[in-house]
Each structure stands twice: as C-alpha cells, then as structure tokens.
Amino acid sequence: MAEATGSASALPLRGQPDPHRLGDAAVSSAEGAFEDLFDDPVLRSAVGRAAGVQAAAPHGVFEQRRLGLRRWEWAPYGLYAPVCADPQRTQALTDFLDRAPGRASQVRVQLNPLCSEAGRLAKQAAALGWRVLPRETHLLDLRPGLEALRRAYHATKRNQVAKPVKVDSRIALARTEADLLPYFEVYAHSLQRWGRAGAWPYPRQLFLDLLHSPAVRIWTHHVQGRLACAVVILECRHQALYWQGVSRIDEDQKPAHPMVRLMDTVIQDLCARGVPVLNLGASEGLPQVRRFKEEFGARPTAYSTLQWESGAWRWLQGLRARGIGRR
C-alpha cells in the first residue's frame, strides 16, 4: 500500500482536535466516496434488514413499529447522523428535530462529532423538549499523513510496528463469505468470554451484506494460519468509522502484535486514500481500550445523542420494565 504524507498546516497530534475543523477540511477529501454513509444504498439496505426496520425519510432515518407506536432512529447500530456539509443536510436535520416528535412516539438521533452544526442542533432539540445526552468518542486526525502519525504513536506502538515479524502473518481484506467464517468463530468466542454466549448483537447476514458495500472494508489479520483479529471500517468523504472489531490472540500469535499491526495497516490505507478522520468510537468503562486508542494519537471528543419520548412510549416502557407485555 502506498504511504501518504500530509501538509505542514495539519492540526498538532498531541493537542485536542477541533472536530468542526476536521469536518470542514474533510469536505474536499476522499474524492469519489459517499457524502454520508447512508448515501450508499447497499449499506442502507443492509442495516435496515438487520435491524428489522424500514427507511422512513432520506439520509438514514429508519422506522420501527411496536404495539402500534412508531419509533424512529437516525442511523441505528451505533452510527451517526450526517455531517452538515451543505445547506440541504443542515435543513433536513433542523426540520427533522422540529417535526419528528409529532409523528413518532420515540425518536433517537446520534449527532455526528464532526458536524459544525451539532451544538446549535443540540440547543434546538433541548428547547423543543428533547433529552440531550452527553457522549464521547475518540477521533484520530489523519491529515498529517502516515509518517507524522507514526512518529506520534506511543513509543511501545512504534517499536511493535517497526519490529520485524518472525512468525507467519498475513493482513488482508475479507472479500468472500468464506473469509468471514473465521470472523464469526472469533466473534462467538469473544461473546462467550464476555458471558454472552449466543447473544449476537448483529445478525450474521449483516456482515455478509456489508461485503458488497463500497463504503465498507473488513480487515483481517491471520497469524500462524489462524485469525487473530479483524476490524470493520465504514467510510464516507468525511470520516472512517471503526464500527466493530474482534480478537482472539493466542500465545504463539502474540509476537506478531496482531492488533497493533492491523490498526497501523488501517491507518496506512486511509491515509493513502485521503480519508481525513478516523472515528474510533466510545470507550466508556474500558480503560485499556481507551489507552490503546490514545497511544495511536486519537483524542477524546464530546458529542450528543438526542432522544425524544412521548407519554405513551414511556408508559409502554414502564409496563415492559415490570414484565408486562413481554413476548
């Protein structure tokens, strides 16, 4: 893969990144990519099928019915509302916040941490009676380029990337259903380790559908002939999103530093293709995961989730909490 270098005007890696500046700079980057993840019809359809919902409006709003009540979510499965890079998307979000409470019983919008209008939208929502819930993610500014990013890695990470690999190691993109079988096996093992055996949060078909999305890359790292770790990266013009990862690293695989090398490869690929920001997601209650992200230069960034519930929805949730109406 080609390496990319950045300009001298890039944001300093050790400082707190300004997500709004990152978003503005991203508008002209990653040419040919989708403006927003849900502009990709393959991704939109895959998420809709997996969540058992249908599109209710443009730009990734999905609808679900429960006991006659309508639930709307703008970008389910941990995704985000779009970056307001043009007046049309800004107006779409503004109108949605104004009108949704009168048309649905429960509505959820996860504002994009890169959106320059996010603060104004949160204030608008609060004035309309929405709950504004504080959230945090980790953003890695990729614009300085690969070499500058690597210099800013924690010393341990730099050494692990630079050290020659003396065991069999292969990093590649998953392209077929057969490539995903080890992913499912490692995922199932992880769920068992977490005490959630069999409780798949996402249906397997979703991953098979994502193989066909131009907005998705599923990276795998095999060490000693076995899958050690894998990550699912979703991409649009404004950002790449680390959506999910799995790992099962045995003793004979550890010398290859599988997750570190895989993350470095993802960063290398994104830099080479001009993607400006990598969103590594939240790490609440996971200090080791948080430290892992920050040792690659990612910095915590605040954003908001907006939630609105009608009286009927709250009543229904109260019944469910007491075990009434469960199927």
C-alpha atoms as a PDB file:
ATOM      1  CA  MET A   1       0.000   0.000   0.000  1.00  0.00           C
ATOM      2  CA  ALA A   2       1.207   3.482  -0.770  1.00  0.00           C
ATOM      3  CA  GLU A   3       2.146   5.788   2.056  1.00  0.00           C
ATOM      4  CA  ALA A   4       0.775   9.310   2.217  1.00  0.00           C
ATOM      5  CA  THR A   5       2.312  12.420   3.716  1.00  0.00           C
ATOM      6  CA  GLY A   6       0.404  15.417   4.979  1.00  0.00           C
ATOM      7  CA  SER A   7       0.765  19.187   4.834  1.00  0.00           C
ATOM      8  CA  ALA A   8       2.508  21.349   7.423  1.00  0.00           C
ATOM      9  CA  SER A   9      -0.805  23.064   8.228  1.00  0.00           C
ATOM     10  CA  ALA A  10      -2.333  19.941   9.786  1.00  0.00           C
ATOM     11  CA  LEU A  11      -3.551  20.057  13.372  1.00  0.00           C
ATOM     12  CA  PRO A  12      -0.945  19.101  16.008  1.00  0.00           C
ATOM     13  CA  LEU A  13      -1.409  15.496  17.024  1.00  0.00           C
ATOM     14  CA  ARG A  14      -0.794  15.998  20.721  1.00  0.00           C
ATOM     15  CA  GLY A  15      -3.464  18.688  21.067  1.00  0.00           C
ATOM     16  CA  GLN A  16      -7.221  18.354  21.369  1.00  0.00           C
ATOM     17  CA  PRO A  17      -8.594  18.188  17.798  1.00  0.00           C
ATOM     18  CA  ASP A  18     -11.347  20.583  16.803  1.00  0.00           C
ATOM     19  CA  PRO A  19     -13.952  18.214  15.310  1.00  0.00           C
ATOM     20  CA  HIS A  20     -15.647  21.039  13.433  1.00  0.00           C
ATOM     21  CA  ARG A  21     -12.426  21.996  11.664  1.00  0.00           C
ATOM     22  CA  LEU A  22     -11.825  18.345  10.906  1.00  0.00           C
ATOM     23  CA  GLY A  23     -15.269  18.104   9.339  1.00  0.00           C
ATOM     24  CA  ASP A  24     -14.812  21.271   7.285  1.00  0.00           C
ATOM     25  CA  ALA A  25     -11.462  20.079   5.980  1.00  0.00           C
ATOM     26  CA  ALA A  26     -12.948  16.725   5.075  1.00  0.00           C
ATOM     27  CA  VAL A  27     -15.349  18.140   2.520  1.00  0.00           C
ATOM     28  CA  SER A  28     -12.761  18.105  -0.256  1.00  0.00           C
ATOM     29  CA  SER A  29     -11.078  14.863   0.814  1.00  0.00           C
ATOM     30  CA  ALA A  30     -11.585  11.238  -0.180  1.00  0.00           C
ATOM     31  CA  GLU A  31     -12.932  12.149  -3.603  1.00  0.00           C
ATOM     32  CA  GLY A  32     -15.321   9.593  -5.053  1.00  0.00           C
ATOM     33  CA  ALA A  33     -16.550   8.439  -1.651  1.00  0.00           C
ATOM     34  CA  PHE A  34     -20.132   8.830  -0.475  1.00  0.00           C
ATOM     35  CA  GLU A  35     -21.006  12.149   1.147  1.00  0.00           C
ATOM     36  CA  ASP A  36     -22.595  10.208   4.017  1.00  0.00           C
ATOM     37  CA  LEU A  37     -22.537   6.511   4.901  1.00  0.00           C
ATOM     38  CA  PHE A  38     -26.259   6.128   4.302  1.00  0.00           C
ATOM     39  CA  ASP A  39     -25.929   7.549   0.799  1.00  0.00           C
ATOM     40  CA  ASP A  40     -24.669   4.062  -0.046  1.00  0.00           C
ATOM     41  CA  PRO A  41     -27.836   2.085  -0.882  1.00  0.00           C
ATOM     42  CA  VAL A  42     -26.139  -1.246  -0.097  1.00  0.00           C
ATOM     43  CA  LEU A  43     -25.219  -0.157   3.437  1.00  0.00           C
ATOM     44  CA  ARG A  44     -28.620   1.459   3.981  1.00  0.00           C
ATOM     45  CA  SER A  45     -30.470  -1.692   2.900  1.00  0.00           C
ATOM     46  CA  ALA A  46     -28.186  -3.997   4.896  1.00  0.00           C
ATOM     47  CA  VAL A  47     -28.655  -2.045   8.131  1.00  0.00           C
ATOM     48  CA  GLY A  48     -32.394  -1.767   7.571  1.00  0.00           C
ATOM     49  CA  ARG A  49     -32.804  -5.517   7.041  1.00  0.00           C
ATOM     50  CA  ALA A  50     -30.626  -6.369  10.019  1.00  0.00           C
ATOM     51  CA  ALA A  51     -32.439  -4.011  12.383  1.00  0.00           C
ATOM     52  CA  GLY A  52     -35.853  -5.065  11.111  1.00  0.00           C
ATOM     53  CA  VAL A  53     -36.714  -1.508  10.164  1.00  0.00           C
ATOM     54  CA  GLN A  54     -37.573   0.370   7.016  1.00  0.00           C
ATOM     55  CA  ALA A  55     -36.430   3.739   5.710  1.00  0.00           C
ATOM     56  CA  ALA A  56     -38.744   6.486   6.984  1.00  0.00           C
ATOM     57  CA  ALA A  57     -37.030   9.503   5.408  1.00  0.00           C
ATOM     58  CA  PRO A  58     -33.851  10.336   3.458  1.00  0.00           C
ATOM     59  CA  HIS A  59     -30.335  10.266   4.917  1.00  0.00           C
ATOM     60  CA  GLY A  60     -30.587   7.167   7.096  1.00  0.00           C
ATOM     61  CA  VAL A  61     -33.744   7.623   9.187  1.00  0.00           C
ATOM     62  CA  PHE A  62     -35.297   4.233   9.997  1.00  0.00           C
ATOM     63  CA  GLU A  63     -38.717   3.339  11.346  1.00  0.00           C
ATOM     64  CA  GLN A  64     -39.874   0.516  13.591  1.00  0.00           C
ATOM     65  CA  ARG A  65     -43.408  -0.224  14.883  1.00  0.00           C
ATOM     66  CA  ARG A  66     -44.096  -1.631  18.346  1.00  0.00           C
ATOM     67  CA  LEU A  67     -47.660  -2.180  19.583  1.00  0.00           C
ATOM     68  CA  GLY A  68     -48.866   0.445  17.145  1.00  0.00           C
ATOM     69  CA  LEU A  69     -46.279   3.015  18.249  1.00  0.00           C
ATOM     70  CA  ARG A  70     -43.773   4.391  15.776  1.00  0.00           C
ATOM     71  CA  ARG A  71     -40.072   4.520  16.667  1.00  0.00           C
ATOM     72  CA  TRP A  72     -37.601   6.499  14.556  1.00  0.00           C
ATOM     73  CA  GLU A  73     -33.837   6.362  14.711  1.00  0.00           C
ATOM     74  CA  TRP A  74     -31.470   8.388  12.600  1.00  0.00           C
ATOM     75  CA  ALA A  75     -28.685   5.890  11.877  1.00  0.00           C
ATOM     76  CA  PRO A  76     -29.110   2.764  14.062  1.00  0.00           C
ATOM     77  CA  TYR A  77     -26.403   0.322  15.174  1.00  0.00           C
ATOM     78  CA  GLY A  78     -24.107   2.957  16.650  1.00  0.00           C
ATOM     79  CA  LEU A  79     -23.855   5.084  13.513  1.00  0.00           C
ATOM     80  CA  TYR A  80     -24.245   8.846  13.274  1.00  0.00           C
ATOM     81  CA  ALA A  81     -26.400  11.495  11.660  1.00  0.00           C
ATOM     82  CA  PRO A  82     -24.640  13.155   8.696  1.00  0.00           C
ATOM     83  CA  VAL A  83     -22.081  15.931   8.795  1.00  0.00           C
ATOM     84  CA  CYS A  84     -23.876  19.165   7.842  1.00  0.00           C
ATOM     85  CA  ALA A  85     -21.589  19.851   4.891  1.00  0.00           C
ATOM     86  CA  ASP A  86     -24.266  21.555   2.794  1.00  0.00           C
ATOM     87  CA  PRO A  87     -27.418  23.613   3.468  1.00  0.00           C
ATOM     88  CA  GLN A  88     -29.698  20.749   2.409  1.00  0.00           C
ATOM     89  CA  ARG A  89     -28.434  18.341   5.089  1.00  0.00           C
ATOM     90  CA  THR A  90     -28.439  21.058   7.725  1.00  0.00           C
ATOM     91  CA  GLN A  91     -32.051  21.900   6.883  1.00  0.00           C
ATOM     92  CA  ALA A  92     -33.001  18.216   6.831  1.00  0.00           C
ATOM     93  CA  LEU A  93     -31.727  17.749  10.399  1.00  0.00           C
ATOM     94  CA  THR A  94     -33.306  21.006  11.581  1.00  0.00           C
ATOM     95  CA  ASP A  95     -36.697  20.067  10.121  1.00  0.00           C
ATOM     96  CA  PHE A  96     -36.453  16.546  11.500  1.00  0.00           C
ATOM     97  CA  LEU A  97     -35.872  17.737  15.060  1.00  0.00           C
ATOM     98  CA  ASP A  98     -38.824  20.096  14.737  1.00  0.00           C
ATOM     99  CA  ARG A  99     -41.310  17.668  13.210  1.00  0.00           C
ATOM    100  CA  ALA A 100     -40.364  14.192  14.458  1.00  0.00           C
ATOM    101  CA  PRO A 101     -41.944  14.483  17.955  1.00  0.00           C
ATOM    102  CA  GLY A 102     -45.350  14.985  16.378  1.00  0.00           C
ATOM    103  CA  ARG A 103     -45.031  11.988  14.089  1.00  0.00           C
ATOM    104  CA  ALA A 104     -43.301   9.280  16.166  1.00  0.00           C
ATOM    105  CA  SER A 105     -43.532   8.076  19.744  1.00  0.00           C
ATOM    106  CA  GLN A 106     -39.822   7.563  20.270  1.00  0.00           C
ATOM    107  CA  VAL A 107     -37.006   9.202  18.318  1.00  0.00           C
ATOM    108  CA  ARG A 108     -33.229   8.925  18.651  1.00  0.00           C
ATOM    109  CA  VAL A 109     -30.540  10.910  16.830  1.00  0.00           C
ATOM    110  CA  GLN A 110     -26.818  10.467  17.413  1.00  0.00           C
ATOM    111  CA  LEU A 111     -25.253  13.742  16.292  1.00  0.00           C
ATOM    112  CA  ASN A 112     -22.035  13.487  14.334  1.00  0.00           C
ATOM    113  CA  PRO A 113     -18.990  14.674  16.330  1.00  0.00           C
ATOM    114  CA  LEU A 114     -17.626  16.195  13.102  1.00  0.00           C
ATOM    115  CA  CYS A 115     -20.736  18.270  12.403  1.00  0.00           C
ATOM    116  CA  SER A 116     -20.150  22.025  12.771  1.00  0.00           C
ATOM    117  CA  GLU A 117     -23.876  22.493  13.468  1.00  0.00           C
ATOM    118  CA  ALA A 118     -24.026  19.905  16.276  1.00  0.00           C
ATOM    119  CA  GLY A 119     -24.005  22.448  19.119  1.00  0.00           C
ATOM    120  CA  ARG A 120     -26.792  24.505  17.580  1.00  0.00           C
ATOM    121  CA  LEU A 121     -28.846  21.392  16.834  1.00  0.00           C
ATOM    122  CA  ALA A 122     -28.493  20.174  20.427  1.00  0.00           C
ATOM    123  CA  LYS A 123     -29.716  23.545  21.742  1.00  0.00           C
ATOM    124  CA  GLN A 124     -32.632  23.490  19.292  1.00  0.00           C
ATOM    125  CA  ALA A 125     -33.548  19.977  20.412  1.00  0.00           C
ATOM    126  CA  ALA A 126     -33.387  20.889  24.114  1.00  0.00           C
ATOM    127  CA  ALA A 127     -35.697  23.859  23.523  1.00  0.00           C
ATOM    128  CA  LEU A 128     -38.187  21.502  21.846  1.00  0.00           C
ATOM    129  CA  GLY A 129     -38.218  19.095  24.789  1.00  0.00           C
ATOM    130  CA  TRP A 130     -35.673  16.529  23.595  1.00  0.00           C
ATOM    131  CA  ARG A 131     -33.270  14.958  26.087  1.00  0.00           C
ATOM    132  CA  VAL A 132     -29.664  15.836  25.252  1.00  0.00           C
ATOM    133  CA  LEU A 133     -27.351  13.029  26.415  1.00  0.00           C
ATOM    134  CA  PRO A 134     -23.593  13.698  26.547  1.00  0.00           C
ATOM    135  CA  ARG A 135     -21.402  11.166  24.775  1.00  0.00           C
ATOM    136  CA  GLU A 136     -17.714  10.775  23.999  1.00  0.00           C
ATOM    137  CA  THR A 137     -15.788   9.197  21.154  1.00  0.00           C
ATOM    138  CA  HIS A 138     -12.135   9.163  20.048  1.00  0.00           C
ATOM    139  CA  LEU A 139     -11.045  10.888  16.829  1.00  0.00           C
ATOM    140  CA  LEU A 140      -7.741  10.468  15.026  1.00  0.00           C
ATOM    141  CA  ASP A 141      -6.860  13.293  12.624  1.00  0.00           C
ATOM    142  CA  LEU A 142      -5.270  11.582   9.610  1.00  0.00           C
ATOM    143  CA  ARG A 143      -4.372  14.708   7.621  1.00  0.00           C
ATOM    144  CA  PRO A 144      -0.768  14.997   8.850  1.00  0.00           C
ATOM    145  CA  GLY A 145      -0.018  11.813   6.907  1.00  0.00           C
ATOM    146  CA  LEU A 146       1.288   8.370   7.772  1.00  0.00           C
ATOM    147  CA  GLU A 147       4.867   9.219   8.741  1.00  0.00           C
ATOM    148  CA  ALA A 148       3.828  12.061  11.054  1.00  0.00           C
ATOM    149  CA  LEU A 149       1.185   9.843  12.621  1.00  0.00           C
ATOM    150  CA  ARG A 150       3.655   7.037  13.228  1.00  0.00           C
ATOM    151  CA  ARG A 151       6.107   9.434  14.858  1.00  0.00           C
ATOM    152  CA  ALA A 152       3.306  10.421  17.244  1.00  0.00           C
ATOM    153  CA  TYR A 153       2.495   6.833  18.239  1.00  0.00           C
ATOM    154  CA  HIS A 154       3.381   5.852  21.786  1.00  0.00           C
ATOM    155  CA  ALA A 155       6.942   4.505  21.820  1.00  0.00           C
ATOM    156  CA  THR A 156       5.730   0.966  22.501  1.00  0.00           C
ATOM    157  CA  LYS A 157       3.431   1.066  19.471  1.00  0.00           C
ATOM    158  CA  ARG A 158       6.205   2.486  17.253  1.00  0.00           C
ATOM    159  CA  ASN A 159       8.543  -0.310  18.283  1.00  0.00           C
ATOM    160  CA  GLN A 160       5.914  -3.002  17.719  1.00  0.00           C
ATOM    161  CA  VAL A 161       5.197  -1.689  14.209  1.00  0.00           C
ATOM    162  CA  ALA A 162       8.885  -1.348  13.304  1.00  0.00           C
ATOM    163  CA  LYS A 163      10.000  -4.704  14.725  1.00  0.00           C
ATOM    164  CA  PRO A 164      10.466  -7.440  12.071  1.00  0.00           C
ATOM    165  CA  VAL A 165       7.801 -10.144  12.204  1.00  0.00           C
ATOM    166  CA  LYS A 166       9.315 -13.596  12.683  1.00  0.00           C
ATOM    167  CA  VAL A 167       6.100 -15.606  12.552  1.00  0.00           C
ATOM    168  CA  ASP A 168       3.646 -16.199   9.736  1.00  0.00           C
ATOM    169  CA  SER A 169       1.486 -13.048   9.489  1.00  0.00           C
ATOM    170  CA  ARG A 170      -0.998 -12.013   6.802  1.00  0.00           C
ATOM    171  CA  ILE A 171      -3.209  -8.896   6.750  1.00  0.00           C
ATOM    172  CA  ALA A 172      -5.897  -8.808   4.058  1.00  0.00           C
ATOM    173  CA  LEU A 173      -9.391  -7.615   3.231  1.00  0.00           C
ATOM    174  CA  ALA A 174     -12.271 -10.063   3.571  1.00  0.00           C
ATOM    175  CA  ARG A 175     -13.902 -10.422   0.152  1.00  0.00           C
ATOM    176  CA  THR A 176     -15.983 -13.610   0.288  1.00  0.00           C
ATOM    177  CA  GLU A 177     -18.334 -15.400   2.652  1.00  0.00           C
ATOM    178  CA  ALA A 178     -15.585 -17.940   3.333  1.00  0.00           C
ATOM    179  CA  ASP A 179     -13.328 -15.093   4.520  1.00  0.00           C
ATOM    180  CA  LEU A 180     -15.912 -14.240   7.182  1.00  0.00           C
ATOM    181  CA  LEU A 181     -16.232 -17.716   8.696  1.00  0.00           C
ATOM    182  CA  PRO A 182     -13.169 -17.238  10.971  1.00  0.00           C
ATOM    183  CA  TYR A 183     -14.566 -13.814  11.918  1.00  0.00           C
ATOM    184  CA  PHE A 184     -17.788 -15.410  13.131  1.00  0.00           C
ATOM    185  CA  GLU A 185     -15.847 -18.042  15.056  1.00  0.00           C
ATOM    186  CA  VAL A 186     -13.700 -15.465  16.851  1.00  0.00           C
ATOM    187  CA  TYR A 187     -16.751 -13.276  17.491  1.00  0.00           C
ATOM    188  CA  ALA A 188     -18.604 -16.200  19.082  1.00  0.00           C
ATOM    189  CA  HIS A 189     -15.558 -16.934  21.253  1.00  0.00           C
ATOM    190  CA  SER A 190     -15.447 -13.285  22.366  1.00  0.00           C
ATOM    191  CA  LEU A 191     -19.129 -13.336  23.320  1.00  0.00           C
ATOM    192  CA  GLN A 192     -18.558 -16.491  25.352  1.00  0.00           C
ATOM    193  CA  ARG A 193     -15.623 -14.835  27.103  1.00  0.00           C
ATOM    194  CA  TRP A 194     -17.848 -11.870  27.975  1.00  0.00           C
ATOM    195  CA  GLY A 195     -20.554 -14.164  29.380  1.00  0.00           C
ATOM    196  CA  ARG A 196     -22.875 -13.518  26.415  1.00  0.00           C
ATOM    197  CA  ALA A 197     -22.642 -16.815  24.537  1.00  0.00           C
ATOM    198  CA  GLY A 198     -25.137 -16.931  21.679  1.00  0.00           C
ATOM    199  CA  ALA A 199     -26.246 -13.316  22.197  1.00  0.00           C
ATOM    200  CA  TRP A 200     -25.179 -11.952  18.821  1.00  0.00           C
ATOM    201  CA  PRO A 201     -25.918  -8.205  18.789  1.00  0.00           C
ATOM    202  CA  TYR A 202     -25.883  -8.198  14.984  1.00  0.00           C
ATOM    203  CA  PRO A 203     -27.194 -10.900  12.642  1.00  0.00           C
ATOM    204  CA  ARG A 204     -24.580 -12.710  10.574  1.00  0.00           C
ATOM    205  CA  GLN A 205     -26.357 -11.733   7.387  1.00  0.00           C
ATOM    206  CA  LEU A 206     -25.472  -8.105   8.063  1.00  0.00           C
ATOM    207  CA  PHE A 207     -21.761  -8.859   7.719  1.00  0.00           C
ATOM    208  CA  LEU A 208     -22.361 -10.872   4.552  1.00  0.00           C
ATOM    209  CA  ASP A 209     -24.310  -7.934   3.100  1.00  0.00           C
ATOM    210  CA  LEU A 210     -21.572  -5.492   4.094  1.00  0.00           C
ATOM    211  CA  LEU A 211     -19.094  -7.406   1.922  1.00  0.00           C
ATOM    212  CA  HIS A 212     -20.901  -5.893  -1.079  1.00  0.00           C
ATOM    213  CA  SER A 213     -20.885  -2.293   0.155  1.00  0.00           C
ATOM    214  CA  PRO A 214     -18.317   0.085  -1.386  1.00  0.00           C
ATOM    215  CA  ALA A 215     -18.456   2.034   1.901  1.00  0.00           C
ATOM    216  CA  VAL A 216     -17.176  -0.920   3.965  1.00  0.00           C
ATOM    217  CA  ARG A 217     -13.794  -2.590   4.420  1.00  0.00           C
ATOM    218  CA  ILE A 218     -13.412  -5.659   6.622  1.00  0.00           C
ATOM    219  CA  TRP A 219      -9.749  -6.132   7.552  1.00  0.00           C
ATOM    220  CA  THR A 220      -8.423  -9.445   8.856  1.00  0.00           C
ATOM    221  CA  HIS A 221      -5.084 -10.424  10.394  1.00  0.00           C
ATOM    222  CA  HIS A 222      -4.136 -14.086  10.353  1.00  0.00           C
ATOM    223  CA  VAL A 223      -1.121 -15.144  12.406  1.00  0.00           C
ATOM    224  CA  GLN A 224       0.230 -18.687  12.315  1.00  0.00           C
ATOM    225  CA  GLY A 225      -2.583 -19.546   9.921  1.00  0.00           C
ATOM    226  CA  ARG A 226      -5.393 -18.533  12.305  1.00  0.00           C
ATOM    227  CA  LEU A 227      -7.424 -15.363  12.581  1.00  0.00           C
ATOM    228  CA  ALA A 228      -6.064 -13.279  15.443  1.00  0.00           C
ATOM    229  CA  CYS A 229      -8.127 -10.122  14.948  1.00  0.00           C
ATOM    230  CA  ALA A 230     -10.321  -8.259  12.481  1.00  0.00           C
ATOM    231  CA  VAL A 231     -11.985  -4.849  12.186  1.00  0.00           C
ATOM    232  CA  VAL A 232     -14.930  -3.470  10.224  1.00  0.00           C
ATOM    233  CA  ILE A 233     -14.337   0.042   8.862  1.00  0.00           C
ATOM    234  CA  LEU A 234     -17.139   2.157   7.376  1.00  0.00           C
ATOM    235  CA  GLU A 235     -16.133   5.096   5.185  1.00  0.00           C
ATOM    236  CA  CYS A 236     -17.529   8.256   3.618  1.00  0.00           C
ATOM    237  CA  ARG A 237     -15.923  11.513   2.488  1.00  0.00           C
ATOM    238  CA  HIS A 238     -15.817  12.998   5.979  1.00  0.00           C
ATOM    239  CA  GLN A 239     -14.572  10.096   8.048  1.00  0.00           C
ATOM    240  CA  ALA A 240     -13.857   6.450   8.519  1.00  0.00           C
ATOM    241  CA  LEU A 241     -15.633   4.783  11.430  1.00  0.00           C
ATOM    242  CA  TYR A 242     -14.181   1.851  13.354  1.00  0.00           C
ATOM    243  CA  TRP A 243     -17.535   0.128  13.655  1.00  0.00           C
ATOM    244  CA  GLN A 244     -16.589  -3.222  15.156  1.00  0.00           C
ATOM    245  CA  GLY A 245     -13.594  -5.378  15.964  1.00  0.00           C
ATOM    246  CA  VAL A 246     -12.938  -8.912  17.215  1.00  0.00           C
ATOM    247  CA  SER A 247      -9.839 -10.626  18.542  1.00  0.00           C
ATOM    248  CA  ARG A 248      -8.632 -13.940  19.927  1.00  0.00           C
ATOM    249  CA  ILE A 249      -4.878 -13.795  20.254  1.00  0.00           C
ATOM    250  CA  ASP A 250      -3.150 -16.997  21.361  1.00  0.00           C
ATOM    251  CA  GLU A 251       0.319 -17.168  22.912  1.00  0.00           C
ATOM    252  CA  ASP A 252       2.028 -18.203  19.670  1.00  0.00           C
ATOM    253  CA  GLN A 253       0.425 -15.222  17.884  1.00  0.00           C
ATOM    254  CA  LYS A 254       1.432 -12.521  20.361  1.00  0.00           C
ATOM    255  CA  PRO A 255       4.959 -11.951  18.933  1.00  0.00           C
ATOM    256  CA  ALA A 256       3.313 -10.512  15.796  1.00  0.00           C
ATOM    257  CA  HIS A 257       1.471  -7.837  17.852  1.00  0.00           C
ATOM    258  CA  PRO A 258      -1.615  -8.560  15.743  1.00  0.00           C
ATOM    259  CA  MET A 259      -3.951  -5.741  16.757  1.00  0.00           C
ATOM    260  CA  VAL A 260      -1.261  -3.066  16.682  1.00  0.00           C
ATOM    261  CA  ARG A 261      -0.117  -4.045  13.204  1.00  0.00           C
ATOM    262  CA  LEU A 262      -3.670  -4.315  11.953  1.00  0.00           C
ATOM    263  CA  MET A 263      -4.517  -0.830  13.235  1.00  0.00           C
ATOM    264  CA  ASP A 264      -1.372   0.578  11.635  1.00  0.00           C
ATOM    265  CA  THR A 265      -2.375  -1.026   8.322  1.00  0.00           C
ATOM    266  CA  VAL A 266      -5.849   0.519   8.533  1.00  0.00           C
ATOM    267  CA  ILE A 267      -4.313   3.944   9.204  1.00  0.00           C
ATOM    268  CA  GLN A 268      -1.875   3.450   6.315  1.00  0.00           C
ATOM    269  CA  ASP A 269      -4.715   2.557   3.944  1.00  0.00           C
ATOM    270  CA  LEU A 270      -6.897   5.502   4.999  1.00  0.00           C
ATOM    271  CA  CYS A 271      -4.021   7.965   4.636  1.00  0.00           C
ATOM    272  CA  ALA A 272      -3.205   6.636   1.169  1.00  0.00           C
ATOM    273  CA  ARG A 273      -6.793   7.211   0.019  1.00  0.00           C
ATOM    274  CA  GLY A 274      -7.224  10.669   1.536  1.00  0.00           C
ATOM    275  CA  VAL A 275      -9.726   9.865   4.286  1.00  0.00           C
ATOM    276  CA  PRO A 276      -9.229  12.740   6.762  1.00  0.00           C
ATOM    277  CA  VAL A 277     -10.508  11.380  10.106  1.00  0.00           C
ATOM    278  CA  LEU A 278     -10.781   8.012  11.821  1.00  0.00           C
ATOM    279  CA  ASN A 279     -13.534   7.795  14.450  1.00  0.00           C
ATOM    280  CA  LEU A 280     -12.525   5.029  16.852  1.00  0.00           C
ATOM    281  CA  GLY A 281     -15.757   5.088  18.844  1.00  0.00           C
ATOM    282  CA  ALA A 282     -16.573   5.212  22.535  1.00  0.00           C
ATOM    283  CA  SER A 283     -14.651   3.502  25.336  1.00  0.00           C
ATOM    284  CA  GLU A 284     -16.845   4.041  28.400  1.00  0.00           C
ATOM    285  CA  GLY A 285     -15.818   1.690  31.192  1.00  0.00           C
ATOM    286  CA  LEU A 286     -12.965   0.218  29.119  1.00  0.00           C
ATOM    287  CA  PRO A 287      -9.730   1.917  30.256  1.00  0.00           C
ATOM    288  CA  GLN A 288      -7.475  -0.480  28.347  1.00  0.00           C
ATOM    289  CA  VAL A 289      -9.359   0.155  25.097  1.00  0.00           C
ATOM    290  CA  ARG A 290      -9.209   3.903  25.709  1.00  0.00           C
ATOM    291  CA  ARG A 291      -5.460   3.740  26.289  1.00  0.00           C
ATOM    292  CA  PHE A 292      -4.981   1.657  23.124  1.00  0.00           C
ATOM    293  CA  LYS A 293      -6.699   4.339  21.025  1.00  0.00           C
ATOM    294  CA  GLU A 294      -4.844   7.216  22.621  1.00  0.00           C
ATOM    295  CA  GLU A 295      -1.473   5.505  22.095  1.00  0.00           C
ATOM    296  CA  PHE A 296      -2.158   5.813  18.354  1.00  0.00           C
ATOM    297  CA  GLY A 297      -2.793   9.551  18.774  1.00  0.00           C
ATOM    298  CA  ALA A 298      -6.613   9.535  18.992  1.00  0.00           C
ATOM    299  CA  ARG A 299      -8.137  12.130  21.290  1.00  0.00           C
ATOM    300  CA  PRO A 300     -11.458  12.122  23.181  1.00  0.00           C
ATOM    301  CA  THR A 301     -14.160  14.279  21.603  1.00  0.00           C
ATOM    302  CA  ALA A 302     -17.594  15.097  23.010  1.00  0.00           C
ATOM    303  CA  TYR A 303     -20.871  14.858  21.088  1.00  0.00           C
ATOM    304  CA  SER A 304     -24.565  14.465  21.922  1.00  0.00           C
ATOM    305  CA  THR A 305     -27.275  11.880  21.466  1.00  0.00           C
ATOM    306  CA  LEU A 306     -30.774  13.362  21.215  1.00  0.00           C
ATOM    307  CA  GLN A 307     -33.765  11.394  22.455  1.00  0.00           C
ATOM    308  CA  TRP A 308     -37.484  12.169  22.499  1.00  0.00           C
ATOM    309  CA  GLU A 309     -40.220  10.001  24.019  1.00  0.00           C
ATOM    310  CA  SER A 310     -43.967  10.516  24.092  1.00  0.00           C
ATOM    311  CA  GLY A 311     -46.047   9.827  27.206  1.00  0.00           C
ATOM    312  CA  ALA A 312     -47.438   6.684  25.571  1.00  0.00           C
ATOM    313  CA  TRP A 313     -43.923   5.382  24.893  1.00  0.00           C
ATOM    314  CA  ARG A 314     -42.809   5.996  28.478  1.00  0.00           C
ATOM    315  CA  TRP A 315     -45.937   4.226  29.724  1.00  0.00           C
ATOM    316  CA  LEU A 316     -45.200   1.240  27.490  1.00  0.00           C
ATOM    317  CA  GLN A 317     -41.584   1.102  28.660  1.00  0.00           C
ATOM    318  CA  GLY A 318     -42.815   1.172  32.260  1.00  0.00           C
ATOM    319  CA  LEU A 319     -45.010  -1.854  31.587  1.00  0.00           C
ATOM    320  CA  ARG A 320     -42.131  -3.702  29.974  1.00  0.00           C
ATOM    321  CA  ALA A 321     -39.868  -2.892  32.917  1.00  0.00           C
ATOM    322  CA  ARG A 322     -42.429  -4.573  35.190  1.00  0.00           C
ATOM    323  CA  GLY A 323     -42.576  -7.599  32.908  1.00  0.00           C
ATOM    324  CA  ILE A 324     -45.988  -6.744  31.448  1.00  0.00           C
ATOM    325  CA  GLY A 325     -46.448  -7.079  27.714  1.00  0.00           C
ATOM    326  CA  ARG A 326     -43.270  -9.027  27.096  1.00  0.00           C
ATOM    327  CA  ARG A 327     -43.484 -11.544  24.303  1.00  0.00           C
END
